[in-house]
Amino acid sequence: MSPLLQRIYKSDNGSELCDTLMKYLYKGMGQGSNTAAHPSGNTGAGGRNLTPQATGGFTQASGRNFGGGEGGMSVFLSWHEKLVEMVGPGSIVRVMSDRRTV
């Protein structure tokens, strides 16, 4: 995981790409074990919600089955920990300040 994150971070616009990855990690963590049906009726494996979005090359974590429950959350937390080690806590601040409320 670390070599992949290093390649992303050292690439052109690496900091922005890492912020985008952080955004999707938080999105995945936010969905957790929520199995309620989405108003549009789009549900994926394990009853997780799927919302079509342009993701700039990243696949949506909600469409993947990470084992559900606590096991699935640990995957997101592992990526989060490594990403913060690599780019620092500024990524968290940028992602949280960029959140839009609807």
Protein backbone atom coordinates (compact mmCIF):
# COMPACT_ATOMS: atom_id res chain seq x y z
CA MET A 1 0.00 0.00 0.00
CA SER A 2 2.80 2.44 0.87
CA PRO A 3 4.62 2.14 -2.49
CA LEU A 4 1.34 2.82 -4.33
CA LEU A 5 0.61 5.88 -2.19
CA GLN A 6 4.16 7.15 -2.72
CA ARG A 7 3.77 6.89 -6.50
CA ILE A 8 0.47 8.76 -6.35
CA TYR A 9 1.89 11.46 -4.08
CA LYS A 10 5.01 11.99 -6.21
CA SER A 11 3.06 12.19 -9.48
CA ASP A 12 1.84 15.42 -11.09
CA ASN A 13 -0.90 16.91 -8.89
CA GLY A 14 -0.11 14.22 -6.31
CA SER A 15 -1.32 16.26 -3.37
CA GLU A 16 -4.70 16.82 -5.04
CA LEU A 17 -4.96 13.12 -5.92
CA CYS A 18 -4.27 12.18 -2.31
CA ASP A 19 -6.96 14.61 -1.15
CA THR A 20 -9.39 12.96 -3.59
CA LEU A 21 -8.47 9.53 -2.25
CA MET A 22 -9.01 10.82 1.30
CA LYS A 23 -12.45 12.10 0.26
CA TYR A 24 -13.43 8.65 -0.99
CA LEU A 25 -12.06 6.95 2.11
CA TYR A 26 -14.32 9.14 4.22
CA LYS A 27 -17.24 8.44 1.90
CA GLY A 28 -16.65 4.70 2.30
CA MET A 29 -16.33 4.98 6.07
CA GLY A 30 -19.52 7.02 6.19
CA GLN A 31 -21.48 4.29 4.47
CA GLY A 32 -20.28 1.70 6.99
CA SER A 33 -22.82 -1.03 7.50
CA ASN A 34 -25.79 1.13 6.42
CA THR A 35 -28.04 -1.23 4.47
CA ALA A 36 -31.03 1.08 4.04
CA ALA A 37 -32.32 1.32 0.50
CA HIS A 38 -31.27 4.40 -1.43
CA PRO A 39 -34.23 6.55 -2.58
CA SER A 40 -33.27 5.83 -6.19
CA GLY A 41 -33.36 2.10 -5.52
CA ASN A 42 -29.68 1.64 -6.47
CA THR A 43 -28.14 -0.87 -4.12
CA GLY A 44 -25.01 -2.90 -4.57
CA ALA A 45 -23.52 -6.01 -3.02
CA GLY A 46 -24.52 -6.38 0.61
CA GLY A 47 -27.28 -3.79 0.26
CA ARG A 48 -24.82 -0.92 0.00
CA ASN A 49 -25.93 2.17 -1.86
CA LEU A 50 -24.56 2.87 -5.34
CA THR A 51 -24.76 6.33 -6.82
CA PRO A 52 -23.30 6.82 -10.30
CA GLN A 53 -20.63 9.51 -10.24
CA ALA A 54 -17.69 10.61 -12.31
CA THR A 55 -14.77 9.70 -10.07
CA GLY A 56 -11.76 10.74 -12.12
CA GLY A 57 -10.44 7.23 -12.45
CA PHE A 58 -11.17 6.00 -8.93
CA THR A 59 -13.80 3.31 -8.46
CA GLN A 60 -16.43 3.82 -5.82
CA ALA A 61 -15.71 1.96 -2.62
CA SER A 62 -19.43 1.46 -2.02
CA GLY A 63 -19.59 -0.99 -4.91
CA ARG A 64 -16.94 -3.21 -3.39
CA ASN A 65 -17.50 -5.85 -0.74
CA PHE A 66 -14.85 -5.43 1.95
CA GLY A 67 -16.40 -8.01 4.23
CA GLY A 68 -18.88 -5.62 5.82
CA GLY A 69 -19.08 -4.45 9.40
CA GLU A 70 -15.93 -3.96 11.43
CA GLY A 71 -13.71 -5.89 8.98
CA GLY A 72 -14.63 -3.52 6.16
CA MET A 73 -13.99 -0.46 8.28
CA SER A 74 -10.49 -1.67 9.12
CA VAL A 75 -9.56 -1.55 5.42
CA PHE A 76 -10.60 2.10 5.21
CA LEU A 77 -8.78 2.91 8.46
CA SER A 78 -5.58 1.23 7.25
CA TRP A 79 -5.59 3.29 4.05
CA HIS A 80 -6.42 6.42 6.05
CA GLU A 81 -3.52 5.84 8.45
CA LYS A 82 -0.99 5.29 5.65
CA LEU A 83 -2.26 8.28 3.70
CA VAL A 84 -1.98 10.61 6.72
CA GLU A 85 1.55 9.31 7.38
CA MET A 86 2.44 10.15 3.79
CA VAL A 87 0.81 13.55 3.24
CA GLY A 88 0.17 14.78 6.79
CA PRO A 89 -2.99 15.93 8.52
CA GLY A 90 -3.46 18.82 6.08
CA SER A 91 -5.29 16.45 3.75
CA ILE A 92 -7.90 15.81 6.44
CA VAL A 93 -8.38 19.55 6.96
CA ARG A 94 -8.70 20.22 3.21
CA VAL A 95 -11.22 17.43 2.71
CA MET A 96 -13.33 18.44 5.69
CA SER A 97 -13.32 22.12 4.74
CA ASP A 98 -14.33 21.24 1.19
CA ARG A 99 -17.41 19.28 2.26
CA ARG A 100 -20.59 20.61 0.77
CA THR A 101 -23.89 20.42 2.59
CA VAL A 102 -27.03 19.87 0.60
